[in-house]
Amino acid sequence: MPKNRKLLQQYVLVGGGLGLYFGWFFRPVREPNFAVAVALALLATAVLTTISLLKKNRPPVGELGRTAVITFFKFGVILALLEVRHYVYDFGGRWLVMLFTTVLGAIGGWWLAQTDLQKTRENR
């Protein structure tokens, strides 16, 4: 099996497994709050951007800004979808939440794998 295919399978399976975990143990104890998802995405982006700034070989400002925007978008989408679990639970119960989060986790794994696959292609 080609290396790229194994890497993609690994990301998809881990993403699906994490999604299953987030669905299996989900119990709605509060109302969904998308403001928290945005705040956490901003916090994660700030932390990752700060770490990049502390490196000796930090990227140029333009690339750093682009990476920060993409990072915020990815975290924001993932965290917002975790908030959607509340609505899915109300609609179809625990089993639908498990299916929803597993499928979204696998899709998220595929999405995140694309960055590593692109780096692999560039290093050839």
PDB file of N, CA and C in Angstrom:
ATOM      1  N   MET A   1       0.852  -1.177   0.000  1.00  0.00           N
ATOM      2  CA  MET A   1       0.000   0.000   0.000  1.00  0.00           C
ATOM      3  C   MET A   1       0.896   1.238   0.000  1.00  0.00           C
ATOM      4  N   PRO A   2       0.627   2.214  -0.869  1.00  0.00           N
ATOM      5  CA  PRO A   2       1.454   3.421  -0.903  1.00  0.00           C
ATOM      6  C   PRO A   2       1.427   4.177   0.427  1.00  0.00           C
ATOM      7  N   LYS A   3       2.521   4.871   0.709  1.00  0.00           N
ATOM      8  CA  LYS A   3       2.666   5.608   1.964  1.00  0.00           C
ATOM      9  C   LYS A   3       1.554   6.643   2.129  1.00  0.00           C
ATOM     10  N   ASN A   4       1.218   7.356   1.049  1.00  0.00           N
ATOM     11  CA  ASN A   4       0.176   8.386   1.132  1.00  0.00           C
ATOM     12  C   ASN A   4      -1.173   7.788   1.504  1.00  0.00           C
ATOM     13  N   ARG A   5      -1.466   6.628   0.959  1.00  0.00           N
ATOM     14  CA  ARG A   5      -2.745   5.988   1.244  1.00  0.00           C
ATOM     15  C   ARG A   5      -2.820   5.532   2.697  1.00  0.00           C
ATOM     16  N   LYS A   6      -1.706   5.013   3.225  1.00  0.00           N
ATOM     17  CA  LYS A   6      -1.661   4.602   4.629  1.00  0.00           C
ATOM     18  C   LYS A   6      -1.855   5.803   5.550  1.00  0.00           C
ATOM     19  N   LEU A   7      -1.207   6.918   5.221  1.00  0.00           N
ATOM     20  CA  LEU A   7      -1.336   8.127   6.022  1.00  0.00           C
ATOM     21  C   LEU A   7      -2.782   8.622   6.017  1.00  0.00           C
ATOM     22  N   LEU A   8      -3.397   8.624   4.850  1.00  0.00           N
ATOM     23  CA  LEU A   8      -4.790   9.052   4.737  1.00  0.00           C
ATOM     24  C   LEU A   8      -5.703   8.130   5.542  1.00  0.00           C
ATOM     25  N   GLN A   9      -5.493   6.815   5.441  1.00  0.00           N
ATOM     26  CA  GLN A   9      -6.297   5.868   6.210  1.00  0.00           C
ATOM     27  C   GLN A   9      -6.140   6.097   7.710  1.00  0.00           C
ATOM     28  N   GLN A  10      -4.910   6.363   8.131  1.00  0.00           N
ATOM     29  CA  GLN A  10      -4.652   6.601   9.548  1.00  0.00           C
ATOM     30  C   GLN A  10      -5.427   7.822  10.038  1.00  0.00           C
ATOM     31  N   TYR A  11      -5.361   8.910   9.315  1.00  0.00           N
ATOM     32  CA  TYR A  11      -6.074  10.130   9.699  1.00  0.00           C
ATOM     33  C   TYR A  11      -7.586   9.900   9.730  1.00  0.00           C
ATOM     34  N   VAL A  12      -8.117   9.234   8.715  1.00  0.00           N
ATOM     35  CA  VAL A  12      -9.559   9.000   8.637  1.00  0.00           C
ATOM     36  C   VAL A  12     -10.018   8.094   9.781  1.00  0.00           C
ATOM     37  N   LEU A  13      -9.270   7.024  10.054  1.00  0.00           N
ATOM     38  CA  LEU A  13      -9.649   6.117  11.138  1.00  0.00           C
ATOM     39  C   LEU A  13      -9.541   6.784  12.509  1.00  0.00           C
ATOM     40  N   VAL A  14      -8.480   7.532  12.725  1.00  0.00           N
ATOM     41  CA  VAL A  14      -8.337   8.233  14.008  1.00  0.00           C
ATOM     42  C   VAL A  14      -9.433   9.283  14.149  1.00  0.00           C
ATOM     43  N   GLY A  15      -9.708  10.019  13.081  1.00  0.00           N
ATOM     44  CA  GLY A  15     -10.782  11.012  13.120  1.00  0.00           C
ATOM     45  C   GLY A  15     -12.133  10.375  13.397  1.00  0.00           C
ATOM     46  N   GLY A  16     -12.412   9.259  12.727  1.00  0.00           N
ATOM     47  CA  GLY A  16     -13.668   8.547  12.967  1.00  0.00           C
ATOM     48  C   GLY A  16     -13.752   8.013  14.385  1.00  0.00           C
ATOM     49  N   GLY A  17     -12.636   7.501  14.896  1.00  0.00           N
ATOM     50  CA  GLY A  17     -12.602   6.999  16.272  1.00  0.00           C
ATOM     51  C   GLY A  17     -12.836   8.107  17.294  1.00  0.00           C
ATOM     52  N   LEU A  18     -12.194   9.242  17.067  1.00  0.00           N
ATOM     53  CA  LEU A  18     -12.422  10.379  17.964  1.00  0.00           C
ATOM     54  C   LEU A  18     -13.866  10.858  17.876  1.00  0.00           C
ATOM     55  N   GLY A  19     -14.403  10.870  16.663  1.00  0.00           N
ATOM     56  CA  GLY A  19     -15.803  11.256  16.483  1.00  0.00           C
ATOM     57  C   GLY A  19     -16.736  10.310  17.216  1.00  0.00           C
ATOM     58  N   LEU A  20     -16.464   9.011  17.112  1.00  0.00           N
ATOM     59  CA  LEU A  20     -17.276   8.021  17.816  1.00  0.00           C
ATOM     60  C   LEU A  20     -17.217   8.255  19.328  1.00  0.00           C
ATOM     61  N   TYR A  21     -16.025   8.529  19.820  1.00  0.00           N
ATOM     62  CA  TYR A  21     -15.853   8.822  21.246  1.00  0.00           C
ATOM     63  C   TYR A  21     -16.693  10.033  21.659  1.00  0.00           C
ATOM     64  N   PHE A  22     -16.600  11.116  20.869  1.00  0.00           N
ATOM     65  CA  PHE A  22     -17.349  12.332  21.194  1.00  0.00           C
ATOM     66  C   PHE A  22     -18.856  12.114  21.099  1.00  0.00           C
ATOM     67  N   GLY A  23     -19.301  11.186  20.285  1.00  0.00           N
ATOM     68  CA  GLY A  23     -20.721  10.889  20.196  1.00  0.00           C
ATOM     69  C   GLY A  23     -21.186   9.927  21.277  1.00  0.00           C
ATOM     70  N   TRP A  24     -20.387   8.912  21.548  1.00  0.00           N
ATOM     71  CA  TRP A  24     -20.751   7.866  22.511  1.00  0.00           C
ATOM     72  C   TRP A  24     -20.971   8.444  23.905  1.00  0.00           C
ATOM     73  N   PHE A  25     -20.090   9.341  24.316  1.00  0.00           N
ATOM     74  CA  PHE A  25     -20.147   9.867  25.677  1.00  0.00           C
ATOM     75  C   PHE A  25     -20.848  11.223  25.775  1.00  0.00           C
ATOM     76  N   PHE A  26     -21.494  11.659  24.703  1.00  0.00           N
ATOM     77  CA  PHE A  26     -22.174  12.958  24.741  1.00  0.00           C
ATOM     78  C   PHE A  26     -23.466  12.880  25.532  1.00  0.00           C
ATOM     79  N   ARG A  27     -23.614  13.793  26.463  1.00  0.00           N
ATOM     80  CA  ARG A  27     -24.849  13.957  27.231  1.00  0.00           C
ATOM     81  C   ARG A  27     -25.126  15.460  27.287  1.00  0.00           C
ATOM     82  N   PRO A  28     -26.218  15.908  26.697  1.00  0.00           N
ATOM     83  CA  PRO A  28     -26.468  17.356  26.712  1.00  0.00           C
ATOM     84  C   PRO A  28     -26.831  17.838  28.114  1.00  0.00           C
ATOM     85  N   VAL A  29     -26.001  18.679  28.678  1.00  0.00           N
ATOM     86  CA  VAL A  29     -26.255  19.211  30.017  1.00  0.00           C
ATOM     87  C   VAL A  29     -26.418  20.730  29.988  1.00  0.00           C
ATOM     88  N   ARG A  30     -26.317  21.307  28.800  1.00  0.00           N
ATOM     89  CA  ARG A  30     -26.469  22.756  28.648  1.00  0.00           C
ATOM     90  C   ARG A  30     -26.996  23.041  27.249  1.00  0.00           C
ATOM     91  N   GLU A  31     -27.320  24.270  27.010  1.00  0.00           N
ATOM     92  CA  GLU A  31     -27.752  24.687  25.677  1.00  0.00           C
ATOM     93  C   GLU A  31     -26.515  24.891  24.794  1.00  0.00           C
ATOM     94  N   PRO A  32     -26.644  24.686  23.478  1.00  0.00           N
ATOM     95  CA  PRO A  32     -25.498  24.934  22.606  1.00  0.00           C
ATOM     96  C   PRO A  32     -25.104  26.411  22.644  1.00  0.00           C
ATOM     97  N   ASN A  33     -23.801  26.668  22.573  1.00  0.00           N
ATOM     98  CA  ASN A  33     -23.292  28.030  22.641  1.00  0.00           C
ATOM     99  C   ASN A  33     -22.172  28.194  21.618  1.00  0.00           C
ATOM    100  N   PHE A  34     -22.506  28.788  20.489  1.00  0.00           N
ATOM    101  CA  PHE A  34     -21.522  28.939  19.419  1.00  0.00           C
ATOM    102  C   PHE A  34     -20.492  30.023  19.731  1.00  0.00           C
ATOM    103  N   ALA A  35     -20.810  30.924  20.652  1.00  0.00           N
ATOM    104  CA  ALA A  35     -19.837  31.946  21.051  1.00  0.00           C
ATOM    105  C   ALA A  35     -18.634  31.290  21.731  1.00  0.00           C
ATOM    106  N   VAL A  36     -18.881  30.243  22.498  1.00  0.00           N
ATOM    107  CA  VAL A  36     -17.786  29.516  23.146  1.00  0.00           C
ATOM    108  C   VAL A  36     -16.904  28.861  22.078  1.00  0.00           C
ATOM    109  N   ALA A  37     -17.513  28.311  21.042  1.00  0.00           N
ATOM    110  CA  ALA A  37     -16.743  27.687  19.957  1.00  0.00           C
ATOM    111  C   ALA A  37     -15.839  28.716  19.283  1.00  0.00           C
ATOM    112  N   VAL A  38     -16.363  29.904  19.026  1.00  0.00           N
ATOM    113  CA  VAL A  38     -15.559  30.961  18.394  1.00  0.00           C
ATOM    114  C   VAL A  38     -14.442  31.405  19.337  1.00  0.00           C
ATOM    115  N   ALA A  39     -14.757  31.580  20.616  1.00  0.00           N
ATOM    116  CA  ALA A  39     -13.739  32.001  21.587  1.00  0.00           C
ATOM    117  C   ALA A  39     -12.625  30.967  21.708  1.00  0.00           C
ATOM    118  N   LEU A  40     -12.985  29.694  21.754  1.00  0.00           N
ATOM    119  CA  LEU A  40     -11.962  28.644  21.837  1.00  0.00           C
ATOM    120  C   LEU A  40     -11.127  28.568  20.564  1.00  0.00           C
ATOM    121  N   ALA A  41     -11.759  28.786  19.412  1.00  0.00           N
ATOM    122  CA  ALA A  41     -11.014  28.801  18.151  1.00  0.00           C
ATOM    123  C   ALA A  41     -10.023  29.966  18.130  1.00  0.00           C
ATOM    124  N   LEU A  42     -10.439  31.116  18.631  1.00  0.00           N
ATOM    125  CA  LEU A  42      -9.526  32.269  18.720  1.00  0.00           C
ATOM    126  C   LEU A  42      -8.366  31.980  19.676  1.00  0.00           C
ATOM    127  N   LEU A  43      -8.674  31.364  20.804  1.00  0.00           N
ATOM    128  CA  LEU A  43      -7.636  31.027  21.771  1.00  0.00           C
ATOM    129  C   LEU A  43      -6.628  30.040  21.182  1.00  0.00           C
ATOM    130  N   ALA A  44      -7.123  28.994  20.534  1.00  0.00           N
ATOM    131  CA  ALA A  44      -6.236  28.003  19.921  1.00  0.00           C
ATOM    132  C   ALA A  44      -5.373  28.642  18.837  1.00  0.00           C
ATOM    133  N   THR A  45      -5.968  29.513  18.036  1.00  0.00           N
ATOM    134  CA  THR A  45      -5.217  30.194  16.988  1.00  0.00           C
ATOM    135  C   THR A  45      -4.141  31.086  17.593  1.00  0.00           C
ATOM    136  N   ALA A  46      -4.478  31.812  18.653  1.00  0.00           N
ATOM    137  CA  ALA A  46      -3.498  32.681  19.315  1.00  0.00           C
ATOM    138  C   ALA A  46      -2.334  31.875  19.879  1.00  0.00           C
ATOM    139  N   VAL A  47      -2.631  30.750  20.497  1.00  0.00           N
ATOM    140  CA  VAL A  47      -1.571  29.912  21.076  1.00  0.00           C
ATOM    141  C   VAL A  47      -0.660  29.372  19.977  1.00  0.00           C
ATOM    142  N   LEU A  48      -1.255  28.827  18.909  1.00  0.00           N
ATOM    143  CA  LEU A  48      -0.434  28.259  17.832  1.00  0.00           C
ATOM    144  C   LEU A  48       0.366  29.335  17.102  1.00  0.00           C
ATOM    145  N   THR A  49      -0.211  30.513  16.938  1.00  0.00           N
ATOM    146  CA  THR A  49       0.508  31.613  16.282  1.00  0.00           C
ATOM    147  C   THR A  49       1.660  32.087  17.167  1.00  0.00           C
ATOM    148  N   THR A  50       1.432  32.187  18.459  1.00  0.00           N
ATOM    149  CA  THR A  50       2.491  32.595  19.393  1.00  0.00           C
ATOM    150  C   THR A  50       3.639  31.589  19.375  1.00  0.00           C
ATOM    151  N   ILE A  51       3.299  30.310  19.342  1.00  0.00           N
ATOM    152  CA  ILE A  51       4.347  29.278  19.272  1.00  0.00           C
ATOM    153  C   ILE A  51       5.167  29.447  17.997  1.00  0.00           C
ATOM    154  N   SER A  52       4.500  29.737  16.883  1.00  0.00           N
ATOM    155  CA  SER A  52       5.222  29.954  15.621  1.00  0.00           C
ATOM    156  C   SER A  52       6.133  31.172  15.698  1.00  0.00           C
ATOM    157  N   LEU A  53       5.705  32.205  16.400  1.00  0.00           N
ATOM    158  CA  LEU A  53       6.522  33.420  16.536  1.00  0.00           C
ATOM    159  C   LEU A  53       7.761  33.189  17.396  1.00  0.00           C
ATOM    160  N   LEU A  54       7.700  32.232  18.303  1.00  0.00           N
ATOM    161  CA  LEU A  54       8.820  31.967  19.192  1.00  0.00           C
ATOM    162  C   LEU A  54       9.902  31.092  18.561  1.00  0.00           C
ATOM    163  N   LYS A  55       9.610  30.509  17.419  1.00  0.00           N
ATOM    164  CA  LYS A  55      10.594  29.658  16.748  1.00  0.00           C
ATOM    165  C   LYS A  55      11.720  30.514  16.182  1.00  0.00           C
ATOM    166  N   LYS A  56      12.903  29.921  16.100  1.00  0.00           N
ATOM    167  CA  LYS A  56      14.043  30.637  15.535  1.00  0.00           C
ATOM    168  C   LYS A  56      13.838  30.917  14.050  1.00  0.00           C
ATOM    169  N   ASN A  57      13.321  29.946  13.336  1.00  0.00           N
ATOM    170  CA  ASN A  57      13.095  30.119  11.893  1.00  0.00           C
ATOM    171  C   ASN A  57      11.607  30.352  11.627  1.00  0.00           C
ATOM    172  N   ARG A  58      11.082  31.436  12.207  1.00  0.00           N
ATOM    173  CA  ARG A  58       9.654  31.716  12.073  1.00  0.00           C
ATOM    174  C   ARG A  58       9.315  32.104  10.634  1.00  0.00           C
ATOM    175  N   PRO A  59       8.095  31.808  10.234  1.00  0.00           N
ATOM    176  CA  PRO A  59       7.678  32.113   8.867  1.00  0.00           C
ATOM    177  C   PRO A  59       7.483  33.622   8.671  1.00  0.00           C
ATOM    178  N   PRO A  60       7.480  34.069   7.419  1.00  0.00           N
ATOM    179  CA  PRO A  60       7.222  35.487   7.148  1.00  0.00           C
ATOM    180  C   PRO A  60       5.828  35.888   7.651  1.00  0.00           C
ATOM    181  N   VAL A  61       5.645  37.173   7.890  1.00  0.00           N
ATOM    182  CA  VAL A  61       4.390  37.677   8.454  1.00  0.00           C
ATOM    183  C   VAL A  61       3.189  37.308   7.584  1.00  0.00           C
ATOM    184  N   GLY A  62       3.323  37.417   6.285  1.00  0.00           N
ATOM    185  CA  GLY A  62       2.213  37.084   5.393  1.00  0.00           C
ATOM    186  C   GLY A  62       1.794  35.634   5.506  1.00  0.00           C
ATOM    187  N   GLU A  63       2.771  34.751   5.541  1.00  0.00           N
ATOM    188  CA  GLU A  63       2.476  33.319   5.681  1.00  0.00           C
ATOM    189  C   GLU A  63       1.902  33.017   7.063  1.00  0.00           C
ATOM    190  N   LEU A  64       2.413  33.691   8.068  1.00  0.00           N
ATOM    191  CA  LEU A  64       1.914  33.503   9.430  1.00  0.00           C
ATOM    192  C   LEU A  64       0.450  33.930   9.533  1.00  0.00           C
ATOM    193  N   GLY A  65       0.110  35.060   8.916  1.00  0.00           N
ATOM    194  CA  GLY A  65      -1.277  35.528   8.908  1.00  0.00           C
ATOM    195  C   GLY A  65      -2.193  34.560   8.185  1.00  0.00           C
ATOM    196  N   ARG A  66      -1.748  34.070   7.040  1.00  0.00           N
ATOM    197  CA  ARG A  66      -2.541  33.102   6.271  1.00  0.00           C
ATOM    198  C   ARG A  66      -2.774  31.833   7.087  1.00  0.00           C
ATOM    199  N   THR A  67      -1.717  31.348   7.729  1.00  0.00           N
ATOM    200  CA  THR A  67      -1.825  30.149   8.556  1.00  0.00           C
ATOM    201  C   THR A  67      -2.771  30.381   9.735  1.00  0.00           C
ATOM    202  N   ALA A  68      -2.711  31.571  10.328  1.00  0.00           N
ATOM    203  CA  ALA A  68      -3.593  31.883  11.457  1.00  0.00           C
ATOM    204  C   ALA A  68      -5.057  31.878  11.018  1.00  0.00           C
ATOM    205  N   VAL A  69      -5.345  32.437   9.859  1.00  0.00           N
ATOM    206  CA  VAL A  69      -6.728  32.464   9.364  1.00  0.00           C
ATOM    207  C   VAL A  69      -7.222  31.042   9.094  1.00  0.00           C
ATOM    208  N   ILE A  70      -6.399  30.237   8.459  1.00  0.00           N
ATOM    209  CA  ILE A  70      -6.783  28.852   8.156  1.00  0.00           C
ATOM    210  C   ILE A  70      -6.971  28.062   9.457  1.00  0.00           C
ATOM    211  N   THR A  71      -6.074  28.262  10.419  1.00  0.00           N
ATOM    212  CA  THR A  71      -6.178  27.582  11.709  1.00  0.00           C
ATOM    213  C   THR A  71      -7.469  27.963  12.415  1.00  0.00           C
ATOM    214  N   PHE A  72      -7.784  29.259  12.433  1.00  0.00           N
ATOM    215  CA  PHE A  72      -9.029  29.707  13.068  1.00  0.00           C
ATOM    216  C   PHE A  72     -10.239  29.081  12.377  1.00  0.00           C
ATOM    217  N   PHE A  73     -10.215  29.056  11.067  1.00  0.00           N
ATOM    218  CA  PHE A  73     -11.338  28.478  10.317  1.00  0.00           C
ATOM    219  C   PHE A  73     -11.518  26.996  10.660  1.00  0.00           C
ATOM    220  N   LYS A  74     -10.424  26.237  10.644  1.00  0.00           N
ATOM    221  CA  LYS A  74     -10.510  24.797  10.939  1.00  0.00           C
ATOM    222  C   LYS A  74     -11.021  24.544  12.356  1.00  0.00           C
ATOM    223  N   PHE A  75     -10.419  25.220  13.331  1.00  0.00           N
ATOM    224  CA  PHE A  75     -10.870  25.037  14.709  1.00  0.00           C
ATOM    225  C   PHE A  75     -12.310  25.500  14.880  1.00  0.00           C
ATOM    226  N   GLY A  76     -12.660  26.618  14.264  1.00  0.00           N
ATOM    227  CA  GLY A  76     -14.027  27.132  14.374  1.00  0.00           C
ATOM    228  C   GLY A  76     -15.056  26.170  13.827  1.00  0.00           C
ATOM    229  N   VAL A  77     -14.776  25.594  12.670  1.00  0.00           N
ATOM    230  CA  VAL A  77     -15.714  24.628  12.069  1.00  0.00           C
ATOM    231  C   VAL A  77     -15.847  23.396  12.964  1.00  0.00           C
ATOM    232  N   ILE A  78     -14.741  22.862  13.404  1.00  0.00           N
ATOM    233  CA  ILE A  78     -14.779  21.646  14.226  1.00  0.00           C
ATOM    234  C   ILE A  78     -15.534  21.901  15.533  1.00  0.00           C
ATOM    235  N   LEU A  79     -15.237  23.001  16.202  1.00  0.00           N
ATOM    236  CA  LEU A  79     -15.897  23.292  17.471  1.00  0.00           C
ATOM    237  C   LEU A  79     -17.375  23.638  17.285  1.00  0.00           C
ATOM    238  N   ALA A  80     -17.711  24.315  16.204  1.00  0.00           N
ATOM    239  CA  ALA A  80     -19.124  24.614  15.927  1.00  0.00           C
ATOM    240  C   ALA A  80     -19.899  23.320  15.675  1.00  0.00           C
ATOM    241  N   LEU A  81     -19.286  22.388  14.962  1.00  0.00           N
ATOM    242  CA  LEU A  81     -19.960  21.115  14.707  1.00  0.00           C
ATOM    243  C   LEU A  81     -20.151  20.314  15.994  1.00  0.00           C
ATOM    244  N   LEU A  82     -19.236  20.474  16.938  1.00  0.00           N
ATOM    245  CA  LEU A  82     -19.442  19.824  18.235  1.00  0.00           C
ATOM    246  C   LEU A  82     -20.656  20.426  18.951  1.00  0.00           C
ATOM    247  N   GLU A  83     -20.897  21.701  18.759  1.00  0.00           N
ATOM    248  CA  GLU A  83     -22.088  22.321  19.342  1.00  0.00           C
ATOM    249  C   GLU A  83     -23.365  21.840  18.646  1.00  0.00           C
ATOM    250  N   VAL A  84     -23.269  21.494  17.390  1.00  0.00           N
ATOM    251  CA  VAL A  84     -24.438  21.008  16.643  1.00  0.00           C
ATOM    252  C   VAL A  84     -24.928  19.676  17.205  1.00  0.00           C
ATOM    253  N   ARG A  85     -24.059  18.957  17.916  1.00  0.00           N
ATOM    254  CA  ARG A  85     -24.472  17.683  18.518  1.00  0.00           C
ATOM    255  C   ARG A  85     -25.746  17.825  19.348  1.00  0.00           C
ATOM    256  N   HIS A  86     -25.916  18.960  19.986  1.00  0.00           N
ATOM    257  CA  HIS A  86     -27.120  19.175  20.795  1.00  0.00           C
ATOM    258  C   HIS A  86     -28.385  19.036  19.951  1.00  0.00           C
ATOM    259  N   TYR A  87     -28.374  19.653  18.783  1.00  0.00           N
ATOM    260  CA  TYR A  87     -29.544  19.605  17.903  1.00  0.00           C
ATOM    261  C   TYR A  87     -29.750  18.200  17.335  1.00  0.00           C
ATOM    262  N   VAL A  88     -28.646  17.538  16.997  1.00  0.00           N
ATOM    263  CA  VAL A  88     -28.735  16.176  16.478  1.00  0.00           C
ATOM    264  C   VAL A  88     -29.290  15.250  17.553  1.00  0.00           C
ATOM    265  N   TYR A  89     -28.873  15.437  18.789  1.00  0.00           N
ATOM    266  CA  TYR A  89     -29.375  14.626  19.897  1.00  0.00           C
ATOM    267  C   TYR A  89     -30.881  14.832  20.074  1.00  0.00           C
ATOM    268  N   ASP A  90     -31.322  16.077  20.021  1.00  0.00           N
ATOM    269  CA  ASP A  90     -32.748  16.371  20.146  1.00  0.00           C
ATOM    270  C   ASP A  90     -33.546  15.740  19.010  1.00  0.00           C
ATOM    271  N   PHE A  91     -32.939  15.682  17.835  1.00  0.00           N
ATOM    272  CA  PHE A  91     -33.625  15.153  16.655  1.00  0.00           C
ATOM    273  C   PHE A  91     -33.678  13.629  16.639  1.00  0.00           C
ATOM    274  N   GLY A  92     -32.556  12.969  16.968  1.00  0.00           N
ATOM    275  CA  GLY A  92     -32.515  11.522  16.790  1.00  0.00           C
ATOM    276  C   GLY A  92     -31.915  10.714  17.913  1.00  0.00           C
ATOM    277  N   GLY A  93     -31.530  11.349  19.004  1.00  0.00           N
ATOM    278  CA  GLY A  93     -31.004  10.608  20.137  1.00  0.00           C
ATOM    279  C   GLY A  93     -29.533  10.259  20.023  1.00  0.00           C
ATOM    280  N   ARG A  94     -29.123   9.398  20.957  1.00  0.00           N
ATOM    281  CA  ARG A  94     -27.714   9.040  21.110  1.00  0.00           C
ATOM    282  C   ARG A  94     -27.121   8.375  19.870  1.00  0.00           C
ATOM    283  N   TRP A  95     -27.859   7.471  19.242  1.00  0.00           N
ATOM    284  CA  TRP A  95     -27.313   6.734  18.097  1.00  0.00           C
ATOM    285  C   TRP A  95     -27.074   7.649  16.903  1.00  0.00           C
ATOM    286  N   LEU A  96     -27.939   8.617  16.699  1.00  0.00           N
ATOM    287  CA  LEU A  96     -27.737   9.553  15.595  1.00  0.00           C
ATOM    288  C   LEU A  96     -26.543  10.460  15.880  1.00  0.00           C
ATOM    289  N   VAL A  97     -26.365  10.842  17.138  1.00  0.00           N
ATOM    290  CA  VAL A  97     -25.189  11.644  17.510  1.00  0.00           C
ATOM    291  C   VAL A  97     -23.917  10.852  17.249  1.00  0.00           C
ATOM    292  N   MET A  98     -23.914   9.569  17.601  1.00  0.00           N
ATOM    293  CA  MET A  98     -22.735   8.737  17.374  1.00  0.00           C
ATOM    294  C   MET A  98     -22.432   8.633  15.881  1.00  0.00           C
ATOM    295  N   LEU A  99     -23.439   8.429  15.067  1.00  0.00           N
ATOM    296  CA  LEU A  99     -23.245   8.364  13.621  1.00  0.00           C
ATOM    297  C   LEU A  99     -22.744   9.704  13.090  1.00  0.00           C
ATOM    298  N   PHE A 100     -23.384  10.781  13.519  1.00  0.00           N
ATOM    299  CA  PHE A 100     -23.032  12.138  13.089  1.00  0.00           C
ATOM    300  C   PHE A 100     -21.569  12.453  13.403  1.00  0.00           C
ATOM    301  N   THR A 101     -21.157  12.226  14.660  1.00  0.00           N
ATOM    302  CA  THR A 101     -19.794  12.580  15.046  1.00  0.00           C
ATOM    303  C   THR A 101     -18.753  11.652  14.426  1.00  0.00           C
ATOM    304  N   THR A 102     -19.103  10.385  14.220  1.00  0.00           N
ATOM    305  CA  THR A 102     -18.162   9.462  13.586  1.00  0.00           C
ATOM    306  C   THR A 102     -17.906   9.865  12.138  1.00  0.00           C
ATOM    307  N   VAL A 103     -18.971  10.156  11.412  1.00  0.00           N
ATOM    308  CA  VAL A 103     -18.828  10.575  10.010  1.00  0.00           C
ATOM    309  C   VAL A 103     -18.071  11.898   9.932  1.00  0.00           C
ATOM    310  N   LEU A 104     -18.442  12.849  10.778  1.00  0.00           N
ATOM    311  CA  LEU A 104     -17.738  14.135  10.759  1.00  0.00           C
ATOM    312  C   LEU A 104     -16.284  13.998  11.189  1.00  0.00           C
ATOM    313  N   GLY A 105     -16.007  13.103  12.127  1.00  0.00           N
ATOM    314  CA  GLY A 105     -14.628  12.863  12.535  1.00  0.00           C
ATOM    315  C   GLY A 105     -13.795  12.289  11.403  1.00  0.00           C
ATOM    316  N   ALA A 106     -14.368  11.352  10.653  1.00  0.00           N
ATOM    317  CA  ALA A 106     -13.659  10.774   9.502  1.00  0.00           C
ATOM    318  C   ALA A 106     -13.417  11.837   8.427  1.00  0.00           C
ATOM    319  N   ILE A 107     -14.421  12.662   8.176  1.00  0.00           N
ATOM    320  CA  ILE A 107     -14.258  13.752   7.193  1.00  0.00           C
ATOM    321  C   ILE A 107     -13.208  14.739   7.685  1.00  0.00           C
ATOM    322  N   GLY A 108     -13.253  15.058   8.976  1.00  0.00           N
ATOM    323  CA  GLY A 108     -12.249  15.953   9.547  1.00  0.00           C
ATOM    324  C   GLY A 108     -10.850  15.369   9.460  1.00  0.00           C
ATOM    325  N   GLY A 109     -10.724  14.082   9.694  1.00  0.00           N
ATOM    326  CA  GLY A 109      -9.426  13.426   9.553  1.00  0.00           C
ATOM    327  C   GLY A 109      -8.907  13.507   8.132  1.00  0.00           C
ATOM    328  N   TRP A 110      -9.804  13.277   7.163  1.00  0.00           N
ATOM    329  CA  TRP A 110      -9.414  13.401   5.751  1.00  0.00           C
ATOM    330  C   TRP A 110      -8.961  14.827   5.463  1.00  0.00           C
ATOM    331  N   TRP A 111      -9.712  15.801   5.972  1.00  0.00           N
ATOM    332  CA  TRP A 111      -9.411  17.213   5.742  1.00  0.00           C
ATOM    333  C   TRP A 111      -8.045  17.577   6.321  1.00  0.00           C
ATOM    334  N   LEU A 112      -7.774  17.162   7.551  1.00  0.00           N
ATOM    335  CA  LEU A 112      -6.491  17.473   8.171  1.00  0.00           C
ATOM    336  C   LEU A 112      -5.335  16.721   7.509  1.00  0.00           C
ATOM    337  N   ALA A 113      -5.603  15.545   6.959  1.00  0.00           N
ATOM    338  CA  ALA A 113      -4.554  14.775   6.285  1.00  0.00           C
ATOM    339  C   ALA A 113      -4.065  15.473   5.025  1.00  0.00           C
ATOM    340  N   GLN A 114      -4.899  16.287   4.431  1.00  0.00           N
ATOM    341  CA  GLN A 114      -4.520  16.933   3.178  1.00  0.00           C
ATOM    342  C   GLN A 114      -3.272  17.793   3.329  1.00  0.00           C
ATOM    343  N   THR A 115      -3.090  18.431   4.485  1.00  0.00           N
ATOM    344  CA  THR A 115      -1.900  19.242   4.732  1.00  0.00           C
ATOM    345  C   THR A 115      -0.646  18.381   4.725  1.00  0.00           C
ATOM    346  N   ASP A 116      -0.684  17.252   5.429  1.00  0.00           N
ATOM    347  CA  ASP A 116       0.479  16.364   5.468  1.00  0.00           C
ATOM    348  C   ASP A 116       0.736  15.730   4.103  1.00  0.00           C
ATOM    349  N   LEU A 117      -0.326  15.385   3.404  1.00  0.00           N
ATOM    350  CA  LEU A 117      -0.153  14.801   2.064  1.00  0.00           C
ATOM    351  C   LEU A 117       0.453  15.820   1.107  1.00  0.00           C
ATOM    352  N   GLN A 118       0.056  17.086   1.238  1.00  0.00           N
ATOM    353  CA  GLN A 118       0.620  18.122   0.387  1.00  0.00           C
ATOM    354  C   GLN A 118       2.106  18.314   0.681  1.00  0.00           C
ATOM    355  N   LYS A 119       2.474  18.270   1.951  1.00  0.00           N
ATOM    356  CA  LYS A 119       3.892  18.383   2.328  1.00  0.00           C
ATOM    357  C   LYS A 119       4.687  17.203   1.766  1.00  0.00           C
ATOM    358  N   THR A 120       4.079  16.002   1.805  1.00  0.00           N
ATOM    359  CA  THR A 120       4.743  14.813   1.275  1.00  0.00           C
ATOM    360  C   THR A 120       4.981  14.973  -0.223  1.00  0.00           C
ATOM    361  N   ARG A 121       3.996  15.505  -0.922  1.00  0.00           N
ATOM    362  CA  ARG A 121       4.142  15.697  -2.376  1.00  0.00           C
ATOM    363  C   ARG A 121       5.216  16.739  -2.686  1.00  0.00           C
ATOM    364  N   GLU A 122       5.275  17.791  -1.863  1.00  0.00           N
ATOM    365  CA  GLU A 122       6.253  18.852  -2.105  1.00  0.00           C
ATOM    366  C   GLU A 122       7.683  18.381  -1.834  1.00  0.00           C
ATOM    367  N   ASN A 123       7.860  17.427  -0.933  1.00  0.00           N
ATOM    368  CA  ASN A 123       9.198  16.942  -0.575  1.00  0.00           C
ATOM    369  C   ASN A 123       9.736  15.914  -1.555  1.00  0.00           C
ATOM    370  N   ARG A 124       8.976  15.538  -2.532  1.00  0.00           N
ATOM    371  CA  ARG A 124       9.447  14.543  -3.503  1.00  0.00           C
ATOM    372  C   ARG A 124      10.449  15.126  -4.445  1.00  0.00           C
TER     373      ARG A 124
END
